Amino acid sequence: MYQQNPGMYPPLQLAIATVPSQRYEKLYPVEKALSRGTLFEALYLPFEGGREGRHV
């Protein structure tokens, strides 16, 4: 169990992370996944900088 440091004010809290599960579909081959930095096609979002870039 997490013990708070009694000398710290305000007391520290642990962060809560929520991560949605990823479906194993539309996977890249290993070589392509390594070059793109992701195994999942749906997660490949290349940076398109500039004013004409895609904004999500």
N, C-alpha and C. Protein backbone atom coordinates (compact mmCIF):
# COMPACT_ATOMS: atom_id res chain seq x y z
N MET A 1 0.84 -1.18 0.00
CA MET A 1 0.00 0.00 0.00
C MET A 1 0.88 1.24 0.00
N TYR A 2 0.45 2.26 -0.65
CA TYR A 2 1.18 3.51 -0.75
C TYR A 2 1.14 4.27 0.57
N GLN A 3 2.30 4.64 1.07
CA GLN A 3 2.39 5.40 2.31
C GLN A 3 2.71 6.86 1.97
N GLN A 4 1.90 7.77 2.44
CA GLN A 4 2.18 9.18 2.21
C GLN A 4 3.26 9.65 3.17
N ASN A 5 4.08 10.57 2.71
CA ASN A 5 5.12 11.14 3.53
C ASN A 5 4.48 12.17 4.46
N PRO A 6 4.52 11.96 5.79
CA PRO A 6 3.84 12.87 6.70
C PRO A 6 4.40 14.29 6.67
N GLY A 7 5.63 14.49 6.19
CA GLY A 7 6.21 15.82 6.12
C GLY A 7 5.82 16.60 4.87
N MET A 8 5.18 15.96 3.93
CA MET A 8 4.82 16.62 2.67
C MET A 8 3.47 17.29 2.77
N TYR A 9 3.38 18.51 2.27
CA TYR A 9 2.09 19.19 2.20
C TYR A 9 2.01 19.91 0.88
N PRO A 10 0.99 19.79 0.06
CA PRO A 10 -0.14 18.89 0.25
C PRO A 10 0.29 17.44 0.04
N PRO A 11 -0.46 16.49 0.59
CA PRO A 11 -0.09 15.08 0.44
C PRO A 11 -0.11 14.66 -1.03
N LEU A 12 0.83 13.80 -1.40
CA LEU A 12 0.91 13.34 -2.78
C LEU A 12 -0.11 12.25 -3.05
N GLN A 13 -0.61 12.20 -4.28
CA GLN A 13 -1.54 11.15 -4.70
C GLN A 13 -0.93 10.40 -5.87
N LEU A 14 -1.27 9.16 -6.00
CA LEU A 14 -0.87 8.39 -7.17
C LEU A 14 -1.74 8.80 -8.35
N ALA A 15 -1.19 8.73 -9.54
CA ALA A 15 -1.95 9.02 -10.75
C ALA A 15 -2.80 7.81 -11.12
N ILE A 16 -3.90 8.07 -11.79
CA ILE A 16 -4.76 7.00 -12.28
C ILE A 16 -4.75 7.06 -13.81
N ALA A 17 -4.25 6.00 -14.43
CA ALA A 17 -4.17 5.94 -15.88
C ALA A 17 -5.28 5.03 -16.41
N THR A 18 -5.95 5.48 -17.44
CA THR A 18 -6.93 4.63 -18.12
C THR A 18 -6.44 4.44 -19.54
N VAL A 19 -6.32 3.19 -19.93
CA VAL A 19 -5.81 2.84 -21.25
C VAL A 19 -6.82 1.92 -21.91
N PRO A 20 -7.44 2.37 -23.01
CA PRO A 20 -8.39 1.48 -23.68
C PRO A 20 -7.67 0.29 -24.30
N SER A 21 -8.33 -0.84 -24.34
CA SER A 21 -7.72 -2.02 -24.94
C SER A 21 -7.67 -1.86 -26.46
N GLN A 22 -6.62 -2.40 -27.05
CA GLN A 22 -6.41 -2.32 -28.50
C GLN A 22 -6.82 -3.64 -29.14
N ARG A 23 -7.64 -3.57 -30.16
CA ARG A 23 -8.02 -4.79 -30.89
C ARG A 23 -6.87 -5.23 -31.79
N TYR A 24 -6.63 -6.52 -31.85
CA TYR A 24 -5.58 -7.06 -32.69
C TYR A 24 -6.12 -7.29 -34.10
N GLU A 25 -6.24 -6.19 -34.84
CA GLU A 25 -6.70 -6.27 -36.22
C GLU A 25 -5.90 -5.28 -37.06
N LYS A 26 -5.79 -5.55 -38.33
CA LYS A 26 -5.03 -4.74 -39.27
C LYS A 26 -3.62 -4.48 -38.74
N LEU A 27 -2.87 -5.57 -38.56
CA LEU A 27 -1.50 -5.48 -38.05
C LEU A 27 -0.53 -5.31 -39.21
N TYR A 28 0.53 -4.53 -38.97
CA TYR A 28 1.59 -4.38 -39.95
C TYR A 28 2.52 -5.58 -39.87
N PRO A 29 3.17 -5.93 -40.99
CA PRO A 29 4.26 -6.91 -40.92
C PRO A 29 5.38 -6.33 -40.04
N VAL A 30 6.23 -7.19 -39.49
CA VAL A 30 7.25 -6.77 -38.53
C VAL A 30 8.13 -5.64 -39.06
N GLU A 31 8.64 -5.76 -40.29
CA GLU A 31 9.55 -4.75 -40.84
C GLU A 31 8.86 -3.38 -40.92
N LYS A 32 7.62 -3.37 -41.39
CA LYS A 32 6.88 -2.11 -41.53
C LYS A 32 6.53 -1.55 -40.14
N ALA A 33 6.18 -2.42 -39.20
CA ALA A 33 5.85 -1.98 -37.85
C ALA A 33 7.06 -1.31 -37.19
N LEU A 34 8.24 -1.87 -37.37
CA LEU A 34 9.46 -1.28 -36.80
C LEU A 34 9.76 0.08 -37.41
N SER A 35 9.52 0.24 -38.70
CA SER A 35 9.83 1.52 -39.34
C SER A 35 8.79 2.59 -38.99
N ARG A 36 7.56 2.18 -38.69
CA ARG A 36 6.51 3.14 -38.37
C ARG A 36 6.32 3.36 -36.87
N GLY A 37 6.91 2.51 -36.06
CA GLY A 37 6.83 2.68 -34.61
C GLY A 37 5.57 2.15 -33.98
N THR A 38 4.76 1.40 -34.73
CA THR A 38 3.56 0.79 -34.17
C THR A 38 3.22 -0.47 -34.94
N LEU A 39 2.63 -1.41 -34.25
CA LEU A 39 2.18 -2.65 -34.88
C LEU A 39 0.80 -2.48 -35.50
N PHE A 40 0.04 -1.53 -34.97
CA PHE A 40 -1.35 -1.36 -35.36
C PHE A 40 -1.53 -0.26 -36.40
N GLU A 41 -2.18 -0.60 -37.50
CA GLU A 41 -2.44 0.37 -38.55
C GLU A 41 -3.24 1.57 -38.03
N ALA A 42 -4.19 1.32 -37.16
CA ALA A 42 -5.05 2.39 -36.65
C ALA A 42 -4.29 3.41 -35.81
N LEU A 43 -3.13 3.03 -35.28
CA LEU A 43 -2.36 3.95 -34.43
C LEU A 43 -1.30 4.72 -35.21
N TYR A 44 -1.14 4.44 -36.48
CA TYR A 44 -0.13 5.16 -37.26
C TYR A 44 -0.71 6.49 -37.72
N LEU A 45 -0.27 7.55 -37.06
CA LEU A 45 -0.72 8.91 -37.37
C LEU A 45 0.50 9.78 -37.58
N PRO A 46 1.03 9.82 -38.81
CA PRO A 46 2.24 10.61 -39.05
C PRO A 46 1.98 12.09 -38.82
N PHE A 47 3.01 12.80 -38.35
CA PHE A 47 2.90 14.23 -38.11
C PHE A 47 2.81 14.97 -39.43
N GLU A 48 1.80 15.79 -39.56
CA GLU A 48 1.64 16.63 -40.74
C GLU A 48 1.63 18.07 -40.25
N GLY A 49 2.81 18.62 -40.03
CA GLY A 49 2.95 19.95 -39.45
C GLY A 49 2.54 21.05 -40.41
N GLY A 50 2.52 22.25 -39.87
CA GLY A 50 2.14 23.41 -40.68
C GLY A 50 0.68 23.74 -40.56
N ARG A 51 0.30 24.83 -41.14
CA ARG A 51 -1.08 25.28 -41.06
C ARG A 51 -2.05 24.39 -41.84
N GLU A 52 -1.54 23.75 -42.87
CA GLU A 52 -2.40 22.87 -43.67
C GLU A 52 -2.48 21.47 -43.08
N GLY A 53 -1.77 21.22 -41.98
CA GLY A 53 -1.75 19.90 -41.36
C GLY A 53 -3.10 19.49 -40.80
N ARG A 54 -3.23 18.23 -40.56
CA ARG A 54 -4.47 17.67 -40.03
C ARG A 54 -4.58 17.98 -38.55
N HIS A 55 -5.72 18.49 -38.14
CA HIS A 55 -5.96 18.78 -36.71
C HIS A 55 -7.03 17.84 -36.21
N VAL A 56 -6.74 17.18 -35.11
CA VAL A 56 -7.68 16.22 -34.55
C VAL A 56 -8.36 16.82 -33.34
